[in-house]
Amino acid sequence: GDSPALRIVDFFLDNRLFDYSKEEVIQNLSMGRGTFFEYWRELEGFNVVKVTRQIGKSKLYRLNEENEIVKRLLMLDSALCKRAMEKAVEEAREERKAVPV
């Protein structure tokens, strides 16, 4: 299966507009707490995630878009999305050509 660290990063890539508490990430990923915290420490150590604000005792996090690793992941994600969109457009064009008028 997918690496827990990659699942966490992917969650933040897919949800870049918002910040999340650790509990929200755990719930959204249906990941065990022990597994989550084992890999979370690693992501914090590489400064992949950062605290954006605090509500009560809960800290909220998002990707650290100033981090070089995250910048490269965002570029890769963007390129993959662009390629998928181009493929979908091409397939739609091919389907239109195949439909008799």
C-alpha atoms as a PDB file:
ATOM      1  CA  GLY A   1       0.000   0.000   0.000  1.00  0.00           C
ATOM      2  CA  ASP A   2       0.876   3.672   0.048  1.00  0.00           C
ATOM      3  CA  SER A   3       3.453   4.981   2.474  1.00  0.00           C
ATOM      4  CA  PRO A   4       1.807   6.715   5.456  1.00  0.00           C
ATOM      5  CA  ALA A   5       4.049   9.752   4.934  1.00  0.00           C
ATOM      6  CA  LEU A   6       2.952   9.998   1.300  1.00  0.00           C
ATOM      7  CA  ARG A   7      -0.695   9.639   2.291  1.00  0.00           C
ATOM      8  CA  ILE A   8      -0.330  12.542   4.727  1.00  0.00           C
ATOM      9  CA  VAL A   9       1.432  14.748   2.168  1.00  0.00           C
ATOM     10  CA  ASP A  10      -1.115  13.810  -0.498  1.00  0.00           C
ATOM     11  CA  PHE A  11      -3.942  14.803   1.856  1.00  0.00           C
ATOM     12  CA  PHE A  12      -2.415  18.260   2.245  1.00  0.00           C
ATOM     13  CA  LEU A  13      -1.746  18.539  -1.508  1.00  0.00           C
ATOM     14  CA  ASP A  14      -5.411  17.776  -2.201  1.00  0.00           C
ATOM     15  CA  ASN A  15      -6.613  20.198   0.483  1.00  0.00           C
ATOM     16  CA  ARG A  16      -4.250  23.153   0.101  1.00  0.00           C
ATOM     17  CA  LEU A  17      -6.841  25.850   0.741  1.00  0.00           C
ATOM     18  CA  PHE A  18      -7.416  24.862   4.355  1.00  0.00           C
ATOM     19  CA  ASP A  19      -5.432  24.066   7.459  1.00  0.00           C
ATOM     20  CA  TYR A  20      -6.096  21.008   9.599  1.00  0.00           C
ATOM     21  CA  SER A  21      -5.478  19.714  13.094  1.00  0.00           C
ATOM     22  CA  LYS A  22      -3.631  16.434  13.502  1.00  0.00           C
ATOM     23  CA  GLU A  23      -6.905  14.814  14.591  1.00  0.00           C
ATOM     24  CA  GLU A  24      -8.664  15.951  11.418  1.00  0.00           C
ATOM     25  CA  VAL A  25      -5.892  14.488   9.274  1.00  0.00           C
ATOM     26  CA  ILE A  26      -6.011  11.188  11.186  1.00  0.00           C
ATOM     27  CA  GLN A  27      -9.786  10.987  10.750  1.00  0.00           C
ATOM     28  CA  ASN A  28      -9.746  11.923   7.073  1.00  0.00           C
ATOM     29  CA  LEU A  29      -7.074   9.339   6.299  1.00  0.00           C
ATOM     30  CA  SER A  30      -8.538   6.628   8.574  1.00  0.00           C
ATOM     31  CA  MET A  31      -5.002   6.145   9.840  1.00  0.00           C
ATOM     32  CA  GLY A  32      -3.978   4.743  13.186  1.00  0.00           C
ATOM     33  CA  ARG A  33      -2.735   7.337  15.657  1.00  0.00           C
ATOM     34  CA  GLY A  34       0.550   5.514  16.273  1.00  0.00           C
ATOM     35  CA  THR A  35       1.299   5.278  12.564  1.00  0.00           C
ATOM     36  CA  PHE A  36       0.340   8.899  12.002  1.00  0.00           C
ATOM     37  CA  PHE A  37       2.559  10.275  14.766  1.00  0.00           C
ATOM     38  CA  GLU A  38       5.510   8.130  13.720  1.00  0.00           C
ATOM     39  CA  TYR A  39       5.497   9.693  10.247  1.00  0.00           C
ATOM     40  CA  TRP A  40       4.294  13.136  11.334  1.00  0.00           C
ATOM     41  CA  ARG A  41       7.470  13.693  13.332  1.00  0.00           C
ATOM     42  CA  GLU A  42       9.465  12.952  10.189  1.00  0.00           C
ATOM     43  CA  LEU A  43       7.443  15.451   8.128  1.00  0.00           C
ATOM     44  CA  GLU A  44       7.858  18.109  10.815  1.00  0.00           C
ATOM     45  CA  GLY A  45      11.586  17.374  10.946  1.00  0.00           C
ATOM     46  CA  PHE A  46      11.891  18.069   7.217  1.00  0.00           C
ATOM     47  CA  ASN A  47       9.690  21.197   7.611  1.00  0.00           C
ATOM     48  CA  VAL A  48       7.194  19.785   5.102  1.00  0.00           C
ATOM     49  CA  VAL A  49       4.288  20.928   7.296  1.00  0.00           C
ATOM     50  CA  LYS A  50       3.987  24.076   9.362  1.00  0.00           C
ATOM     51  CA  VAL A  51       1.702  25.485  12.026  1.00  0.00           C
ATOM     52  CA  THR A  52      -0.636  28.100  10.607  1.00  0.00           C
ATOM     53  CA  ARG A  53      -2.648  28.998  13.703  1.00  0.00           C
ATOM     54  CA  GLN A  54      -3.849  27.720  17.042  1.00  0.00           C
ATOM     55  CA  ILE A  55      -7.441  27.327  18.214  1.00  0.00           C
ATOM     56  CA  GLY A  56      -7.543  26.605  21.919  1.00  0.00           C
ATOM     57  CA  LYS A  57      -5.058  23.791  22.471  1.00  0.00           C
ATOM     58  CA  SER A  58      -5.237  22.564  18.871  1.00  0.00           C
ATOM     59  CA  LYS A  59      -2.633  23.612  16.340  1.00  0.00           C
ATOM     60  CA  LEU A  60      -3.643  23.738  12.700  1.00  0.00           C
ATOM     61  CA  TYR A  61      -1.234  22.781   9.928  1.00  0.00           C
ATOM     62  CA  ARG A  62      -0.762  23.013   6.197  1.00  0.00           C
ATOM     63  CA  LEU A  63       2.019  22.296   3.744  1.00  0.00           C
ATOM     64  CA  ASN A  64       5.020  24.567   4.068  1.00  0.00           C
ATOM     65  CA  GLU A  65       5.030  25.894   0.503  1.00  0.00           C
ATOM     66  CA  GLU A  66       8.336  27.672   1.152  1.00  0.00           C
ATOM     67  CA  ASN A  67      10.063  24.302   1.639  1.00  0.00           C
ATOM     68  CA  GLU A  68      12.057  23.138  -1.402  1.00  0.00           C
ATOM     69  CA  ILE A  69      10.668  19.575  -1.161  1.00  0.00           C
ATOM     70  CA  VAL A  70       7.100  20.890  -1.095  1.00  0.00           C
ATOM     71  CA  LYS A  71       7.795  23.263  -4.007  1.00  0.00           C
ATOM     72  CA  ARG A  72       8.937  20.316  -6.103  1.00  0.00           C
ATOM     73  CA  LEU A  73       5.953  18.214  -5.064  1.00  0.00           C
ATOM     74  CA  LEU A  74       3.615  21.051  -6.062  1.00  0.00           C
ATOM     75  CA  MET A  75       5.323  21.340  -9.451  1.00  0.00           C
ATOM     76  CA  LEU A  76       5.004  17.577  -9.973  1.00  0.00           C
ATOM     77  CA  ASP A  77       1.357  17.603  -8.876  1.00  0.00           C
ATOM     78  CA  SER A  78       0.632  20.476 -11.264  1.00  0.00           C
ATOM     79  CA  ALA A  79       2.374  18.730 -14.179  1.00  0.00           C
ATOM     80  CA  LEU A  80       0.507  15.481 -13.533  1.00  0.00           C
ATOM     81  CA  CYS A  81      -2.836  17.308 -13.346  1.00  0.00           C
ATOM     82  CA  LYS A  82      -2.085  19.151 -16.591  1.00  0.00           C
ATOM     83  CA  ARG A  83      -1.178  15.903 -18.335  1.00  0.00           C
ATOM     84  CA  ALA A  84      -4.340  14.179 -17.058  1.00  0.00           C
ATOM     85  CA  MET A  85      -6.465  17.113 -18.264  1.00  0.00           C
ATOM     86  CA  GLU A  86      -4.853  17.082 -21.700  1.00  0.00           C
ATOM     87  CA  LYS A  87      -5.483  13.343 -21.972  1.00  0.00           C
ATOM     88  CA  ALA A  88      -9.131  13.763 -20.948  1.00  0.00           C
ATOM     89  CA  VAL A  89      -9.636  16.538 -23.520  1.00  0.00           C
ATOM     90  CA  GLU A  90      -8.055  14.423 -26.259  1.00  0.00           C
ATOM     91  CA  GLU A  91     -10.251  11.431 -25.344  1.00  0.00           C
ATOM     92  CA  ALA A  92     -13.344  13.647 -25.444  1.00  0.00           C
ATOM     93  CA  ARG A  93     -12.362  14.889 -28.913  1.00  0.00           C
ATOM     94  CA  GLU A  94     -11.865  11.324 -30.119  1.00  0.00           C
ATOM     95  CA  GLU A  95     -15.283  10.328 -28.770  1.00  0.00           C
ATOM     96  CA  ARG A  96     -16.918  13.241 -30.626  1.00  0.00           C
ATOM     97  CA  LYS A  97     -15.277  12.171 -33.857  1.00  0.00           C
ATOM     98  CA  ALA A  98     -16.554   8.624 -33.396  1.00  0.00           C
ATOM     99  CA  VAL A  99     -20.200   9.713 -32.953  1.00  0.00           C
ATOM    100  CA  PRO A 100     -22.064   9.751 -36.317  1.00  0.00           C
ATOM    101  CA  VAL A 101     -23.813  13.015 -37.163  1.00  0.00           C
END
